[in-house]
Amino acid sequence: MSSQPIEAPHELLTPRLILRAPHPDFADETQEAIRETFPELKRWMIWAQKIPTREELQSFFTDVRAKFLAKEAFNYVCFLRSNNQFAGTCGFSRLNWNERWFEIGYWLRKSLMHQGYITEAVKGLTEFAFTSFQAKRVEIHMSDLNEASWRVAERAGFRLERIIPADSVHPDGSLRDTRIYFRKAE
């Protein structure tokens, strides 16, 4: 098996979602969802300490798209198949092609929470990693305090491997214990 990066499709489908490669055109929809979900995002995400401007989001998507095309990260923007509404993001933020190890990150807009959308996206991307990238392991890392996030991991079939005490900080500067969930190739 080659350790060379594999190209990812620009669009993936799950039963209720379309996962699209990042594009600067998604800035307005993303900003709207960040505004709606800001209190939740601010608590957990370093990048969400202020609502980004349209221009900042366009620049962000330009950078993320360049990483996508360079096979350095595969972050997708999730849309509902039923009405093309922006739902959130889900993707592989860390890739280790030599070890075939990938880490998934995600967030979902508040109005669509508790409907299984982000679990569906995580399951879809995980299966894609195993079948198309020949992944040996997929991980999800999150704050031990972020119960909603670790419930997503559990519903998506991931198992808790360990909790690393005080290994980083929350956006507010308090120490963070990190939960690491994983699935391995079968």
C-alpha atoms as a PDB file:
ATOM      1  CA  MET A   1       0.000   0.000   0.000  1.00  0.00           C
ATOM      2  CA  SER A   2       1.391   3.372  -1.013  1.00  0.00           C
ATOM      3  CA  SER A   3       1.765   6.159   1.516  1.00  0.00           C
ATOM      4  CA  GLN A   4       0.972   8.690  -1.198  1.00  0.00           C
ATOM      5  CA  PRO A   5      -2.029  10.924  -0.522  1.00  0.00           C
ATOM      6  CA  ILE A   6      -5.227   9.967  -2.289  1.00  0.00           C
ATOM      7  CA  GLU A   7      -7.511  12.515  -3.874  1.00  0.00           C
ATOM      8  CA  ALA A   8     -10.908  12.990  -2.237  1.00  0.00           C
ATOM      9  CA  PRO A   9     -14.057  13.681  -4.221  1.00  0.00           C
ATOM     10  CA  HIS A  10     -15.402  17.224  -4.196  1.00  0.00           C
ATOM     11  CA  GLU A  11     -18.815  15.902  -3.202  1.00  0.00           C
ATOM     12  CA  LEU A  12     -19.933  13.024  -0.989  1.00  0.00           C
ATOM     13  CA  LEU A  13     -23.507  11.937  -0.348  1.00  0.00           C
ATOM     14  CA  THR A  14     -25.067  10.463   2.759  1.00  0.00           C
ATOM     15  CA  PRO A  15     -28.782   9.649   2.990  1.00  0.00           C
ATOM     16  CA  ARG A  16     -29.735  13.211   4.039  1.00  0.00           C
ATOM     17  CA  LEU A  17     -26.617  15.297   3.379  1.00  0.00           C
ATOM     18  CA  ILE A  18     -24.388  16.539   0.607  1.00  0.00           C
ATOM     19  CA  LEU A  19     -20.811  17.078   1.763  1.00  0.00           C
ATOM     20  CA  ARG A  20     -19.068  19.557  -0.526  1.00  0.00           C
ATOM     21  CA  ALA A  21     -15.438  20.587  -0.803  1.00  0.00           C
ATOM     22  CA  PRO A  22     -14.876  24.030   0.720  1.00  0.00           C
ATOM     23  CA  HIS A  23     -15.368  27.073  -1.471  1.00  0.00           C
ATOM     24  CA  PRO A  24     -15.304  30.839  -0.785  1.00  0.00           C
ATOM     25  CA  ASP A  25     -18.892  31.025  -2.081  1.00  0.00           C
ATOM     26  CA  PHE A  26     -20.018  29.338   1.160  1.00  0.00           C
ATOM     27  CA  ALA A  27     -19.040  32.364   3.293  1.00  0.00           C
ATOM     28  CA  ASP A  28     -22.500  33.927   3.668  1.00  0.00           C
ATOM     29  CA  GLU A  29     -24.239  30.673   4.629  1.00  0.00           C
ATOM     30  CA  THR A  30     -21.458  29.814   7.040  1.00  0.00           C
ATOM     31  CA  GLN A  31     -21.607  33.230   8.696  1.00  0.00           C
ATOM     32  CA  GLU A  32     -25.366  32.886   9.188  1.00  0.00           C
ATOM     33  CA  ALA A  33     -24.904  29.470  10.836  1.00  0.00           C
ATOM     34  CA  ILE A  34     -22.067  30.745  13.037  1.00  0.00           C
ATOM     35  CA  ARG A  35     -24.268  33.636  14.220  1.00  0.00           C
ATOM     36  CA  GLU A  36     -27.062  31.185  15.060  1.00  0.00           C
ATOM     37  CA  THR A  37     -24.712  28.823  16.907  1.00  0.00           C
ATOM     38  CA  PHE A  38     -22.207  31.302  18.303  1.00  0.00           C
ATOM     39  CA  PRO A  39     -22.676  30.692  22.083  1.00  0.00           C
ATOM     40  CA  GLU A  40     -22.174  26.951  21.590  1.00  0.00           C
ATOM     41  CA  LEU A  41     -19.213  27.343  19.232  1.00  0.00           C
ATOM     42  CA  LYS A  42     -17.501  29.974  21.372  1.00  0.00           C
ATOM     43  CA  ARG A  43     -17.368  27.605  24.329  1.00  0.00           C
ATOM     44  CA  TRP A  44     -15.488  24.872  22.446  1.00  0.00           C
ATOM     45  CA  MET A  45     -13.805  26.288  19.338  1.00  0.00           C
ATOM     46  CA  ILE A  46     -10.711  28.488  19.451  1.00  0.00           C
ATOM     47  CA  TRP A  47     -11.608  29.949  16.038  1.00  0.00           C
ATOM     48  CA  ALA A  48     -15.071  31.013  17.230  1.00  0.00           C
ATOM     49  CA  GLN A  49     -14.215  33.755  19.689  1.00  0.00           C
ATOM     50  CA  LYS A  50     -15.803  36.348  17.424  1.00  0.00           C
ATOM     51  CA  ILE A  51     -18.129  36.115  14.471  1.00  0.00           C
ATOM     52  CA  PRO A  52     -15.940  36.276  11.383  1.00  0.00           C
ATOM     53  CA  THR A  53     -16.658  38.791   8.656  1.00  0.00           C
ATOM     54  CA  ARG A  54     -17.683  37.669   5.193  1.00  0.00           C
ATOM     55  CA  GLU A  55     -14.206  38.550   3.947  1.00  0.00           C
ATOM     56  CA  GLU A  56     -12.532  36.542   6.731  1.00  0.00           C
ATOM     57  CA  LEU A  57     -14.670  33.540   5.869  1.00  0.00           C
ATOM     58  CA  GLN A  58     -13.916  33.864   2.168  1.00  0.00           C
ATOM     59  CA  SER A  59     -10.211  33.952   2.993  1.00  0.00           C
ATOM     60  CA  PHE A  60     -10.628  30.976   5.336  1.00  0.00           C
ATOM     61  CA  PHE A  61     -12.417  28.958   2.654  1.00  0.00           C
ATOM     62  CA  THR A  62      -9.760  29.889   0.103  1.00  0.00           C
ATOM     63  CA  ASP A  63      -7.078  28.521   2.468  1.00  0.00           C
ATOM     64  CA  VAL A  64      -9.063  25.407   3.353  1.00  0.00           C
ATOM     65  CA  ARG A  65      -9.782  24.750  -0.329  1.00  0.00           C
ATOM     66  CA  ALA A  66      -6.054  25.005  -1.115  1.00  0.00           C
ATOM     67  CA  LYS A  67      -5.345  22.398   1.597  1.00  0.00           C
ATOM     68  CA  PHE A  68      -8.105  20.210   0.159  1.00  0.00           C
ATOM     69  CA  LEU A  69      -6.587  20.389  -3.334  1.00  0.00           C
ATOM     70  CA  ALA A  70      -3.093  19.750  -1.915  1.00  0.00           C
ATOM     71  CA  LYS A  71      -4.421  16.660  -0.041  1.00  0.00           C
ATOM     72  CA  GLU A  72      -3.352  18.150   3.293  1.00  0.00           C
ATOM     73  CA  ALA A  73      -6.859  18.205   4.838  1.00  0.00           C
ATOM     74  CA  PHE A  74     -10.283  17.206   3.603  1.00  0.00           C
ATOM     75  CA  ASN A  75     -12.821  19.438   5.300  1.00  0.00           C
ATOM     76  CA  TYR A  76     -16.312  19.353   3.886  1.00  0.00           C
ATOM     77  CA  VAL A  77     -19.237  21.731   4.151  1.00  0.00           C
ATOM     78  CA  CYS A  78     -22.492  19.900   4.873  1.00  0.00           C
ATOM     79  CA  PHE A  79     -25.793  20.807   3.228  1.00  0.00           C
ATOM     80  CA  LEU A  80     -29.213  19.204   3.601  1.00  0.00           C
ATOM     81  CA  ARG A  81     -30.158  17.249   0.495  1.00  0.00           C
ATOM     82  CA  SER A  82     -33.824  18.198   0.951  1.00  0.00           C
ATOM     83  CA  ASN A  83     -33.410  21.972   0.605  1.00  0.00           C
ATOM     84  CA  ASN A  84     -29.664  22.704   0.230  1.00  0.00           C
ATOM     85  CA  GLN A  85     -29.553  24.444   3.651  1.00  0.00           C
ATOM     86  CA  PHE A  86     -26.079  24.875   5.169  1.00  0.00           C
ATOM     87  CA  ALA A  87     -25.866  22.425   8.075  1.00  0.00           C
ATOM     88  CA  GLY A  88     -22.285  22.595   9.328  1.00  0.00           C
ATOM     89  CA  THR A  89     -18.852  21.225   8.609  1.00  0.00           C
ATOM     90  CA  CYS A  90     -17.230  17.840   8.986  1.00  0.00           C
ATOM     91  CA  GLY A  91     -13.888  16.691   7.747  1.00  0.00           C
ATOM     92  CA  PHE A  92     -10.431  15.316   8.170  1.00  0.00           C
ATOM     93  CA  SER A  93      -8.378  18.068   9.747  1.00  0.00           C
ATOM     94  CA  ARG A  94      -5.335  15.889  10.384  1.00  0.00           C
ATOM     95  CA  LEU A  95      -4.061  13.268   7.956  1.00  0.00           C
ATOM     96  CA  ASN A  96      -1.229  10.805   8.366  1.00  0.00           C
ATOM     97  CA  TRP A  97      -0.835   9.088   5.007  1.00  0.00           C
ATOM     98  CA  ASN A  98       2.113   6.923   6.131  1.00  0.00           C
ATOM     99  CA  GLU A  99       0.207   5.379   9.023  1.00  0.00           C
ATOM    100  CA  ARG A 100      -3.223   5.679   7.333  1.00  0.00           C
ATOM    101  CA  TRP A 101      -4.514   7.544  10.406  1.00  0.00           C
ATOM    102  CA  PHE A 102      -7.072  10.362  10.118  1.00  0.00           C
ATOM    103  CA  GLU A 103      -8.772  12.703  12.579  1.00  0.00           C
ATOM    104  CA  ILE A 104     -12.313  13.989  12.098  1.00  0.00           C
ATOM    105  CA  GLY A 105     -13.614  17.319  13.378  1.00  0.00           C
ATOM    106  CA  TYR A 106     -17.146  18.713  13.095  1.00  0.00           C
ATOM    107  CA  TRP A 107     -19.716  21.290  14.108  1.00  0.00           C
ATOM    108  CA  LEU A 108     -23.415  21.694  13.334  1.00  0.00           C
ATOM    109  CA  ARG A 109     -25.692  24.719  13.295  1.00  0.00           C
ATOM    110  CA  LYS A 110     -27.954  24.973  16.343  1.00  0.00           C
ATOM    111  CA  SER A 111     -31.310  24.701  14.539  1.00  0.00           C
ATOM    112  CA  LEU A 112     -30.345  21.272  13.146  1.00  0.00           C
ATOM    113  CA  MET A 113     -28.942  19.765  16.350  1.00  0.00           C
ATOM    114  CA  HIS A 114     -30.454  16.594  17.844  1.00  0.00           C
ATOM    115  CA  GLN A 115     -31.619  15.257  14.478  1.00  0.00           C
ATOM    116  CA  GLY A 116     -28.681  12.957  13.739  1.00  0.00           C
ATOM    117  CA  TYR A 117     -27.163  15.018  10.931  1.00  0.00           C
ATOM    118  CA  ILE A 118     -23.639  15.341  12.276  1.00  0.00           C
ATOM    119  CA  THR A 119     -23.583  11.678  13.320  1.00  0.00           C
ATOM    120  CA  GLU A 120     -24.579  10.814   9.754  1.00  0.00           C
ATOM    121  CA  ALA A 121     -21.774  12.986   8.358  1.00  0.00           C
ATOM    122  CA  VAL A 122     -19.201  11.436  10.722  1.00  0.00           C
ATOM    123  CA  LYS A 123     -20.324   7.910   9.821  1.00  0.00           C
ATOM    124  CA  GLY A 124     -20.209   8.705   6.112  1.00  0.00           C
ATOM    125  CA  LEU A 125     -16.725  10.207   6.259  1.00  0.00           C
ATOM    126  CA  THR A 126     -15.437   7.393   8.443  1.00  0.00           C
ATOM    127  CA  GLU A 127     -16.677   4.735   6.035  1.00  0.00           C
ATOM    128  CA  PHE A 128     -15.193   6.735   3.165  1.00  0.00           C
ATOM    129  CA  ALA A 129     -11.817   6.797   4.968  1.00  0.00           C
ATOM    130  CA  PHE A 130     -11.848   3.034   5.440  1.00  0.00           C
ATOM    131  CA  THR A 131     -12.909   2.190   1.905  1.00  0.00           C
ATOM    132  CA  SER A 132     -11.213   4.891  -0.197  1.00  0.00           C
ATOM    133  CA  PHE A 133      -8.200   5.944   1.887  1.00  0.00           C
ATOM    134  CA  GLN A 134      -7.556   2.441   3.274  1.00  0.00           C
ATOM    135  CA  ALA A 135      -7.536   4.018   6.725  1.00  0.00           C
ATOM    136  CA  LYS A 136      -6.321   1.851   9.558  1.00  0.00           C
ATOM    137  CA  ARG A 137      -7.597   4.215  12.233  1.00  0.00           C
ATOM    138  CA  VAL A 138      -9.897   7.226  12.494  1.00  0.00           C
ATOM    139  CA  GLU A 139      -9.940   9.389  15.614  1.00  0.00           C
ATOM    140  CA  ILE A 140     -12.061  12.146  17.093  1.00  0.00           C
ATOM    141  CA  HIS A 141     -10.639  14.440  19.802  1.00  0.00           C
ATOM    142  CA  MET A 142     -12.753  16.724  21.988  1.00  0.00           C
ATOM    143  CA  SER A 143     -12.982  18.333  25.394  1.00  0.00           C
ATOM    144  CA  ASP A 144     -14.009  15.959  28.132  1.00  0.00           C
ATOM    145  CA  LEU A 145     -16.647  18.557  29.050  1.00  0.00           C
ATOM    146  CA  ASN A 146     -18.215  18.590  25.559  1.00  0.00           C
ATOM    147  CA  GLU A 147     -20.747  15.831  26.121  1.00  0.00           C
ATOM    148  CA  ALA A 148     -22.688  16.580  22.927  1.00  0.00           C
ATOM    149  CA  SER A 149     -19.560  16.009  20.867  1.00  0.00           C
ATOM    150  CA  TRP A 150     -18.603  12.776  22.554  1.00  0.00           C
ATOM    151  CA  ARG A 151     -22.163  11.476  22.191  1.00  0.00           C
ATOM    152  CA  VAL A 152     -21.816  12.016  18.418  1.00  0.00           C
ATOM    153  CA  ALA A 153     -18.635   9.935  18.441  1.00  0.00           C
ATOM    154  CA  GLU A 154     -20.356   7.152  20.376  1.00  0.00           C
ATOM    155  CA  ARG A 155     -23.419   7.133  18.089  1.00  0.00           C
ATOM    156  CA  ALA A 156     -21.064   6.933  15.100  1.00  0.00           C
ATOM    157  CA  GLY A 157     -19.542   3.733  16.469  1.00  0.00           C
ATOM    158  CA  PHE A 158     -16.349   5.180  17.962  1.00  0.00           C
ATOM    159  CA  ARG A 159     -14.959   3.854  21.231  1.00  0.00           C
ATOM    160  CA  LEU A 160     -13.374   5.917  23.973  1.00  0.00           C
ATOM    161  CA  GLU A 161      -9.684   5.103  24.030  1.00  0.00           C
ATOM    162  CA  ARG A 162      -8.456   7.449  26.721  1.00  0.00           C
ATOM    163  CA  ILE A 163      -8.798  10.816  28.394  1.00  0.00           C
ATOM    164  CA  ILE A 164      -5.607  12.865  28.461  1.00  0.00           C
ATOM    165  CA  PRO A 165      -5.639  15.177  31.486  1.00  0.00           C
ATOM    166  CA  ALA A 166      -4.749  18.851  31.091  1.00  0.00           C
ATOM    167  CA  ASP A 167      -3.232  18.459  27.619  1.00  0.00           C
ATOM    168  CA  SER A 168      -4.499  21.755  26.191  1.00  0.00           C
ATOM    169  CA  VAL A 169      -6.731  24.680  27.061  1.00  0.00           C
ATOM    170  CA  HIS A 170     -10.311  25.669  26.357  1.00  0.00           C
ATOM    171  CA  PRO A 171     -10.919  28.955  24.536  1.00  0.00           C
ATOM    172  CA  ASP A 172     -11.478  30.635  27.915  1.00  0.00           C
ATOM    173  CA  GLY A 173      -7.972  29.601  29.008  1.00  0.00           C
ATOM    174  CA  SER A 174      -9.016  26.891  31.467  1.00  0.00           C
ATOM    175  CA  LEU A 175      -7.212  23.555  31.302  1.00  0.00           C
ATOM    176  CA  ARG A 176      -8.782  20.979  29.007  1.00  0.00           C
ATOM    177  CA  ASP A 177      -8.869  17.223  29.416  1.00  0.00           C
ATOM    178  CA  THR A 178      -9.111  15.679  25.942  1.00  0.00           C
ATOM    179  CA  ARG A 179     -11.198  12.629  25.115  1.00  0.00           C
ATOM    180  CA  ILE A 180      -9.892  10.511  22.256  1.00  0.00           C
ATOM    181  CA  TYR A 181     -12.329   8.238  20.471  1.00  0.00           C
ATOM    182  CA  PHE A 182     -11.316   5.854  17.706  1.00  0.00           C
ATOM    183  CA  ARG A 183     -12.468   3.319  15.157  1.00  0.00           C
ATOM    184  CA  LYS A 184     -10.111   0.959  13.441  1.00  0.00           C
ATOM    185  CA  ALA A 185     -10.304  -0.896  10.155  1.00  0.00           C
ATOM    186  CA  GLU A 186     -11.959  -4.280  10.442  1.00  0.00           C
END
